Amino acid sequence: MSTIKIDSTRCTLCEVCLSVCPFNAMSRIDDKIIINSACKLCKICIKNCPAGAISLEEAHRLMVNKDEYKGIVVFAENRQGILAPVVKELLGKARTLAEVIEHPVIAIVLGHHTDEVVSQCLHLGADKVIVADDIELSEFRSDIYSDVLVSILQRLKPSVVLVGATPVGRSLAPKAAVRMDTGLTADCTQLEMKKNTDLV
């Protein structure tokens, strides 16, 4: 994200920037010009500064090595060994996306007594199934489920994670996305994969 910077060694405190700012985003405090959160980056202050002390600074974006991330993951939501109907759709779509980038489709199953769910995931197109089977996972609890899911995703490093728009998915996906420091798009009706692994 870009920010407005003021070079205090060049600033003469003439206050021209204060008078031209249409958002009242600048003020003088003691011997400094301060920019507040009302700034809209309109750059009027930069154009009007007679001392050339104001500039726009581009933030350096952290680049991600996409080669480290492989696989299309589907969260295989289930309840007491019964697969949620949305998982069939997600696995089908994951297979289509995976073919574009030649990545595996991986289902993640959390629950207790999950053998039948694992078999269904493999039958529906998953190349691999990662299972966390424990009595503590027999009923959905967002705190425990997000802990386990994030732990798996951090080790797995998938390109994409698909989660159904169910009450469980709507609770789990945002928690996981925040903890993984990644984006989240809700209520998708169409998905496409680019060759560079960007999901559209």
Protein backbone atom coordinates (compact mmCIF):
# COMPACT_ATOMS: atom_id res chain seq x y z
CA MET A 1 0.00 0.00 0.00
CA SER A 2 1.27 3.47 -0.86
CA THR A 3 1.73 6.18 1.76
CA ILE A 4 2.44 9.91 1.75
CA LYS A 5 5.82 10.76 3.30
CA ILE A 6 7.09 14.12 4.46
CA ASP A 7 10.85 14.76 4.48
CA SER A 8 11.29 16.79 7.67
CA THR A 9 14.75 17.95 6.55
CA ARG A 10 13.20 19.70 3.51
CA CYS A 11 9.87 20.79 5.02
CA THR A 12 9.78 24.54 5.77
CA LEU A 13 6.48 24.29 7.72
CA CYS A 14 4.88 26.73 5.28
CA GLU A 15 1.55 24.89 5.75
CA VAL A 16 0.59 25.14 2.07
CA CYS A 17 -0.20 21.40 2.20
CA LEU A 18 -2.65 21.98 5.05
CA SER A 19 -4.53 24.62 3.09
CA VAL A 20 -4.82 22.57 -0.13
CA CYS A 21 -5.75 19.19 1.38
CA PRO A 22 -9.44 18.62 0.55
CA PHE A 23 -9.81 15.94 3.22
CA ASN A 24 -8.32 17.79 6.22
CA ALA A 25 -5.88 14.90 6.44
CA MET A 26 -2.90 17.03 7.48
CA SER A 27 -2.15 19.05 10.58
CA ARG A 28 0.78 20.74 12.23
CA ILE A 29 1.78 19.38 15.60
CA ASP A 30 4.70 21.26 17.17
CA ASP A 31 7.35 21.37 14.45
CA LYS A 32 5.99 18.58 12.25
CA ILE A 33 3.33 18.11 9.61
CA ILE A 34 1.35 14.97 10.44
CA ILE A 35 -0.85 12.97 8.07
CA ASN A 36 -3.89 11.26 9.56
CA SER A 37 -6.15 8.42 8.44
CA ALA A 38 -8.40 10.75 6.41
CA CYS A 39 -5.73 10.84 3.67
CA LYS A 40 -7.06 9.51 0.35
CA LEU A 41 -3.69 9.64 -1.47
CA CYS A 42 -5.01 12.28 -3.89
CA LYS A 43 -1.46 13.74 -4.20
CA ILE A 44 -2.63 17.37 -4.16
CA CYS A 45 -0.22 18.05 -1.31
CA ILE A 46 2.67 16.63 -3.35
CA LYS A 47 1.88 18.86 -6.34
CA ASN A 48 1.55 21.98 -4.20
CA CYS A 49 4.50 21.61 -1.81
CA PRO A 50 6.90 24.49 -2.70
CA ALA A 51 9.81 22.75 -0.96
CA GLY A 52 9.31 19.37 -2.66
CA ALA A 53 9.25 17.76 0.78
CA ILE A 54 6.22 15.53 0.20
CA SER A 55 6.34 12.32 -1.80
CA LEU A 56 4.39 9.14 -2.42
CA GLU A 57 6.19 6.07 -1.14
CA GLU A 58 5.27 2.72 -2.62
CA ALA A 59 5.22 -0.09 -0.09
CA HIS A 60 7.35 -3.10 -0.92
CA ARG A 61 5.15 -6.11 -1.41
CA LEU A 62 6.30 -9.42 -0.03
CA MET A 63 6.65 -11.75 -2.97
CA VAL A 64 5.54 -15.33 -2.55
CA ASN A 65 7.35 -18.17 -4.27
CA LYS A 66 4.37 -19.93 -5.85
CA ASP A 67 6.51 -22.98 -6.66
CA GLU A 68 6.40 -23.87 -2.95
CA TYR A 69 2.62 -24.29 -3.10
CA LYS A 70 1.09 -27.38 -4.73
CA GLY A 71 -2.31 -28.97 -4.71
CA ILE A 72 -5.99 -28.15 -4.67
CA VAL A 73 -7.37 -28.89 -1.21
CA VAL A 74 -11.00 -29.60 -0.45
CA PHE A 75 -12.23 -29.46 3.13
CA ALA A 76 -14.33 -32.64 3.23
CA GLU A 77 -16.99 -31.55 5.69
CA ASN A 78 -18.76 -34.46 7.31
CA ARG A 79 -20.98 -35.12 10.27
CA GLN A 80 -20.76 -38.41 12.12
CA GLY A 81 -19.32 -40.16 9.09
CA ILE A 82 -21.73 -38.67 6.53
CA LEU A 83 -20.15 -36.51 3.85
CA ALA A 84 -21.77 -33.11 3.29
CA PRO A 85 -23.41 -32.97 -0.19
CA VAL A 86 -21.36 -29.88 -1.16
CA VAL A 87 -18.12 -31.91 -0.97
CA LYS A 88 -19.06 -33.85 -4.11
CA GLU A 89 -19.34 -30.56 -6.03
CA LEU A 90 -16.10 -29.23 -4.57
CA LEU A 91 -14.14 -32.36 -5.43
CA GLY A 92 -15.47 -32.26 -9.00
CA LYS A 93 -14.49 -28.62 -9.38
CA ALA A 94 -11.11 -29.26 -7.72
CA ARG A 95 -10.42 -31.97 -10.30
CA THR A 96 -11.18 -29.54 -13.14
CA LEU A 97 -8.93 -26.83 -11.63
CA ALA A 98 -6.14 -29.30 -10.88
CA GLU A 99 -5.99 -30.52 -14.47
CA VAL A 100 -5.10 -27.01 -15.67
CA ILE A 101 -2.02 -26.79 -13.43
CA GLU A 102 -1.29 -30.51 -13.04
CA HIS A 103 -1.59 -30.45 -9.26
CA PRO A 104 -3.05 -33.18 -7.06
CA VAL A 105 -6.50 -32.96 -5.47
CA ILE A 106 -6.25 -33.44 -1.73
CA ALA A 107 -9.20 -33.89 0.61
CA ILE A 108 -8.85 -33.02 4.29
CA VAL A 109 -11.14 -35.01 6.59
CA LEU A 110 -11.62 -34.02 10.22
CA GLY A 111 -13.83 -36.11 12.48
CA HIS A 112 -14.14 -39.44 14.25
CA HIS A 113 -14.69 -42.85 12.63
CA THR A 114 -13.93 -41.39 9.21
CA ASP A 115 -13.17 -44.54 7.15
CA GLU A 116 -16.34 -44.26 5.04
CA VAL A 117 -15.77 -40.54 4.42
CA VAL A 118 -12.21 -41.24 3.27
CA SER A 119 -13.45 -43.92 0.85
CA GLN A 120 -16.06 -41.55 -0.57
CA CYS A 121 -13.49 -38.79 -1.09
CA LEU A 122 -11.21 -41.14 -3.02
CA HIS A 123 -14.16 -42.39 -5.07
CA LEU A 124 -15.21 -38.79 -5.85
CA GLY A 125 -11.82 -37.82 -7.29
CA ALA A 126 -9.37 -37.02 -4.51
CA ASP A 127 -5.84 -38.18 -5.27
CA LYS A 128 -4.99 -38.18 -1.59
CA VAL A 129 -6.86 -37.81 1.69
CA ILE A 130 -5.34 -36.35 4.84
CA VAL A 131 -7.21 -37.44 7.95
CA ALA A 132 -7.37 -36.15 11.49
CA ASP A 133 -9.47 -38.71 13.33
CA ASP A 134 -10.07 -38.14 17.02
CA ILE A 135 -12.99 -38.22 19.42
CA GLU A 136 -12.43 -34.48 20.04
CA LEU A 137 -13.30 -33.91 16.37
CA SER A 138 -16.55 -35.91 16.43
CA GLU A 139 -18.59 -32.67 16.72
CA PHE A 140 -17.70 -29.40 15.00
CA ARG A 141 -16.07 -26.81 17.23
CA SER A 142 -14.64 -23.89 15.30
CA ASP A 143 -11.66 -23.36 17.62
CA ILE A 144 -10.47 -26.97 17.52
CA TYR A 145 -11.25 -27.47 13.84
CA SER A 146 -9.45 -24.28 12.81
CA ASP A 147 -6.40 -25.26 14.89
CA VAL A 148 -6.21 -28.67 13.21
CA LEU A 149 -6.98 -27.40 9.69
CA VAL A 150 -4.43 -24.58 9.86
CA SER A 151 -1.78 -26.97 11.19
CA ILE A 152 -2.35 -29.28 8.21
CA LEU A 153 -2.44 -26.43 5.67
CA GLN A 154 0.79 -24.89 7.00
CA ARG A 155 2.61 -28.17 6.39
CA LEU A 156 0.85 -28.98 3.13
CA LYS A 157 1.12 -25.55 1.43
CA PRO A 158 -1.67 -25.94 -1.15
CA SER A 159 -2.27 -23.51 -4.01
CA VAL A 160 -6.01 -23.35 -3.32
CA VAL A 161 -8.36 -24.44 -0.54
CA LEU A 162 -12.03 -24.99 -1.31
CA VAL A 163 -14.56 -24.94 1.53
CA GLY A 164 -18.32 -25.30 1.16
CA ALA A 165 -20.60 -22.33 1.90
CA THR A 166 -22.31 -24.21 4.74
CA PRO A 167 -22.67 -22.97 8.32
CA VAL A 168 -19.53 -24.97 9.21
CA GLY A 169 -17.60 -23.63 6.20
CA ARG A 170 -18.67 -20.04 6.87
CA SER A 171 -17.36 -20.35 10.42
CA LEU A 172 -14.16 -22.21 9.58
CA ALA A 173 -12.87 -20.60 6.37
CA PRO A 174 -12.47 -17.02 7.66
CA LYS A 175 -10.63 -18.19 10.77
CA ALA A 176 -8.25 -20.30 8.68
CA ALA A 177 -7.70 -17.52 6.11
CA VAL A 178 -6.78 -14.97 8.78
CA ARG A 179 -4.38 -17.34 10.48
CA MET A 180 -2.82 -18.28 7.13
CA ASP A 181 -2.55 -14.59 6.15
CA THR A 182 -4.25 -15.23 2.84
CA GLY A 183 -7.27 -14.12 0.87
CA LEU A 184 -10.79 -15.46 1.07
CA THR A 185 -13.55 -15.20 -1.50
CA ALA A 186 -17.03 -16.21 -0.38
CA ASP A 187 -20.06 -17.42 -2.31
CA CYS A 188 -18.27 -18.17 -5.57
CA THR A 189 -20.50 -19.33 -8.41
CA GLN A 190 -17.74 -19.86 -10.96
CA LEU A 191 -14.06 -20.73 -10.57
CA GLU A 192 -11.28 -20.86 -13.15
CA MET A 193 -7.59 -21.63 -12.81
CA LYS A 194 -4.85 -19.87 -14.73
CA LYS A 195 -1.68 -21.72 -15.73
CA ASN A 196 0.28 -19.62 -13.19
CA THR A 197 -1.96 -21.05 -10.39
CA ASP A 198 -3.98 -17.84 -9.94
CA LEU A 199 -7.56 -18.67 -9.03
CA VAL A 200 -10.17 -16.52 -10.75
